[in-house]
Amino acid sequence: MAEGPSVEKLYKKFEAEPGFVLRAVHVGEVEGMVERRMREKGWTFPALLDPRSDVSRDYRITGHPETFLLDKKGNVVAVAIGARNWDRPEVADLIRRLIAE
């Protein structure tokens, strides 16, 4: 996961904020491999498995990685296809706005 380090920084920055939820969803990966990789990298953000691609179908995933930002009502407010640096000021500003809604 190329964006893992920046996702971890974003998670650490906001994990204690009420209203902030981050979930990484791994498609087509074996359970033990994901857990081991997360542990080896020192990443603490929650990672879920999607072995049957249910989440992929529900969100109509077109590429990997693909990131969705949702508001408190569960509405998709932004989509990013491809790896990103999530530890940028403009991302933090957007997260703060979504939390404040």
C-alpha atoms as a PDB file:
ATOM      1  CA  MET A   1       0.000   0.000   0.000  1.00  0.00           C
ATOM      2  CA  ALA A   2       1.965   2.970  -1.320  1.00  0.00           C
ATOM      3  CA  GLU A   3      -0.131   5.511   0.534  1.00  0.00           C
ATOM      4  CA  GLY A   4       0.010   3.645   3.850  1.00  0.00           C
ATOM      5  CA  PRO A   5       2.492   6.004   5.564  1.00  0.00           C
ATOM      6  CA  SER A   6       0.411   9.100   4.794  1.00  0.00           C
ATOM      7  CA  VAL A   7      -2.832   7.313   5.744  1.00  0.00           C
ATOM      8  CA  GLU A   8      -1.235   6.428   9.083  1.00  0.00           C
ATOM      9  CA  LYS A   9      -0.280  10.088   9.653  1.00  0.00           C
ATOM     10  CA  LEU A  10      -3.816  11.224   8.817  1.00  0.00           C
ATOM     11  CA  TYR A  11      -5.269   8.583  11.129  1.00  0.00           C
ATOM     12  CA  LYS A  12      -2.998   9.578  14.007  1.00  0.00           C
ATOM     13  CA  LYS A  13      -3.858  13.249  13.494  1.00  0.00           C
ATOM     14  CA  PHE A  14      -7.629  12.692  13.727  1.00  0.00           C
ATOM     15  CA  GLU A  15      -8.218   9.353  15.482  1.00  0.00           C
ATOM     16  CA  ALA A  16      -9.334  11.016  18.742  1.00  0.00           C
ATOM     17  CA  GLU A  17     -11.722  13.429  17.009  1.00  0.00           C
ATOM     18  CA  PRO A  18     -15.397  12.573  17.526  1.00  0.00           C
ATOM     19  CA  GLY A  19     -16.978  11.978  14.138  1.00  0.00           C
ATOM     20  CA  PHE A  20     -13.782  10.809  12.408  1.00  0.00           C
ATOM     21  CA  VAL A  21     -13.763   7.239  11.124  1.00  0.00           C
ATOM     22  CA  LEU A  22     -11.131   5.749   8.829  1.00  0.00           C
ATOM     23  CA  ARG A  23     -11.288   2.238   7.386  1.00  0.00           C
ATOM     24  CA  ALA A  24      -8.947   0.699   4.838  1.00  0.00           C
ATOM     25  CA  VAL A  25     -10.657  -2.040   2.852  1.00  0.00           C
ATOM     26  CA  HIS A  26      -8.485  -4.690   1.235  1.00  0.00           C
ATOM     27  CA  VAL A  27      -9.944  -6.537  -1.739  1.00  0.00           C
ATOM     28  CA  GLY A  28      -8.813 -10.024  -2.653  1.00  0.00           C
ATOM     29  CA  GLU A  29      -6.164 -10.330   0.042  1.00  0.00           C
ATOM     30  CA  VAL A  30      -5.615 -13.116   2.534  1.00  0.00           C
ATOM     31  CA  GLU A  31      -6.455 -12.241   6.139  1.00  0.00           C
ATOM     32  CA  GLY A  32      -3.124 -13.088   7.733  1.00  0.00           C
ATOM     33  CA  MET A  33      -1.121 -11.276   5.048  1.00  0.00           C
ATOM     34  CA  VAL A  34      -2.872  -7.944   5.630  1.00  0.00           C
ATOM     35  CA  GLU A  35      -2.486  -8.161   9.396  1.00  0.00           C
ATOM     36  CA  ARG A  36       1.188  -9.105   9.108  1.00  0.00           C
ATOM     37  CA  ARG A  37       1.949  -6.293   6.643  1.00  0.00           C
ATOM     38  CA  MET A  38       0.172  -3.747   8.859  1.00  0.00           C
ATOM     39  CA  ARG A  39       2.138  -4.915  11.892  1.00  0.00           C
ATOM     40  CA  GLU A  40       5.473  -4.910  10.006  1.00  0.00           C
ATOM     41  CA  LYS A  41       4.893  -1.358   8.772  1.00  0.00           C
ATOM     42  CA  GLY A  42       3.729  -0.144  12.182  1.00  0.00           C
ATOM     43  CA  TRP A  43       0.386   0.997  10.795  1.00  0.00           C
ATOM     44  CA  THR A  44      -2.428   1.202  13.326  1.00  0.00           C
ATOM     45  CA  PHE A  45      -5.376   2.373  11.230  1.00  0.00           C
ATOM     46  CA  PRO A  46      -8.191  -0.180  10.937  1.00  0.00           C
ATOM     47  CA  ALA A  47      -8.001  -2.503   7.928  1.00  0.00           C
ATOM     48  CA  LEU A  48     -10.939  -4.623   6.837  1.00  0.00           C
ATOM     49  CA  LEU A  49     -11.080  -7.434   4.294  1.00  0.00           C
ATOM     50  CA  ASP A  50     -13.518  -7.592   1.393  1.00  0.00           C
ATOM     51  CA  PRO A  51     -13.015 -11.207   0.275  1.00  0.00           C
ATOM     52  CA  ARG A  52     -16.158 -11.335  -1.896  1.00  0.00           C
ATOM     53  CA  SER A  53     -15.735  -7.781  -3.244  1.00  0.00           C
ATOM     54  CA  ASP A  54     -19.039  -6.668  -1.682  1.00  0.00           C
ATOM     55  CA  VAL A  55     -17.709  -3.208  -0.809  1.00  0.00           C
ATOM     56  CA  SER A  56     -16.145  -2.917  -4.250  1.00  0.00           C
ATOM     57  CA  ARG A  57     -19.492  -3.623  -5.884  1.00  0.00           C
ATOM     58  CA  ASP A  58     -21.426  -1.320  -3.551  1.00  0.00           C
ATOM     59  CA  TYR A  59     -19.096   1.624  -4.213  1.00  0.00           C
ATOM     60  CA  ARG A  60     -18.464   0.723  -7.867  1.00  0.00           C
ATOM     61  CA  ILE A  61     -14.692   0.612  -7.435  1.00  0.00           C
ATOM     62  CA  THR A  62     -12.874   1.272 -10.706  1.00  0.00           C
ATOM     63  CA  GLY A  63      -9.243   1.179  -9.567  1.00  0.00           C
ATOM     64  CA  HIS A  64      -6.934   0.493  -6.670  1.00  0.00           C
ATOM     65  CA  PRO A  65      -6.367   2.284  -4.454  1.00  0.00           C
ATOM     66  CA  GLU A  66      -9.626   4.181  -4.446  1.00  0.00           C
ATOM     67  CA  THR A  67     -10.581   6.439  -1.550  1.00  0.00           C
ATOM     68  CA  PHE A  68     -14.004   7.717  -0.561  1.00  0.00           C
ATOM     69  CA  LEU A  69     -14.678  10.555   1.856  1.00  0.00           C
ATOM     70  CA  LEU A  70     -18.133  10.415   3.366  1.00  0.00           C
ATOM     71  CA  ASP A  71     -20.055  12.941   5.400  1.00  0.00           C
ATOM     72  CA  LYS A  72     -21.753  12.066   8.684  1.00  0.00           C
ATOM     73  CA  LYS A  73     -24.850  10.900   6.813  1.00  0.00           C
ATOM     74  CA  GLY A  74     -22.833   8.435   4.743  1.00  0.00           C
ATOM     75  CA  ASN A  75     -22.975  10.452   1.523  1.00  0.00           C
ATOM     76  CA  VAL A  76     -19.891  10.294  -0.695  1.00  0.00           C
ATOM     77  CA  VAL A  77     -18.464  13.820  -0.885  1.00  0.00           C
ATOM     78  CA  ALA A  78     -15.155  13.069  -2.615  1.00  0.00           C
ATOM     79  CA  VAL A  79     -13.484  10.233  -4.495  1.00  0.00           C
ATOM     80  CA  ALA A  80      -9.781   9.818  -5.211  1.00  0.00           C
ATOM     81  CA  ILE A  81      -8.592   7.151  -7.633  1.00  0.00           C
ATOM     82  CA  GLY A  82      -4.938   6.247  -7.298  1.00  0.00           C
ATOM     83  CA  ALA A  83      -2.415   6.771  -4.535  1.00  0.00           C
ATOM     84  CA  ARG A  84      -2.371  10.130  -2.762  1.00  0.00           C
ATOM     85  CA  ASN A  85      -0.434  11.856  -0.017  1.00  0.00           C
ATOM     86  CA  TRP A  86      -3.083  12.103   2.712  1.00  0.00           C
ATOM     87  CA  ASP A  87      -0.815  14.054   5.058  1.00  0.00           C
ATOM     88  CA  ARG A  88      -1.336  17.440   3.387  1.00  0.00           C
ATOM     89  CA  PRO A  89      -2.846  20.610   4.893  1.00  0.00           C
ATOM     90  CA  GLU A  90      -5.729  20.758   2.408  1.00  0.00           C
ATOM     91  CA  VAL A  91      -6.738  17.189   3.277  1.00  0.00           C
ATOM     92  CA  ALA A  92      -6.685  18.019   6.994  1.00  0.00           C
ATOM     93  CA  ASP A  93      -8.814  21.116   6.297  1.00  0.00           C
ATOM     94  CA  LEU A  94     -11.379  19.035   4.401  1.00  0.00           C
ATOM     95  CA  ILE A  95     -11.502  16.443   7.195  1.00  0.00           C
ATOM     96  CA  ARG A  96     -12.000  19.207   9.779  1.00  0.00           C
ATOM     97  CA  ARG A  97     -14.901  20.641   7.742  1.00  0.00           C
ATOM     98  CA  LEU A  98     -16.545  17.232   7.439  1.00  0.00           C
ATOM     99  CA  ILE A  99     -16.184  16.583  11.165  1.00  0.00           C
ATOM    100  CA  ALA A 100     -17.682  19.990  11.975  1.00  0.00           C
ATOM    101  CA  GLU A 101     -20.824  19.435   9.872  1.00  0.00           C
END
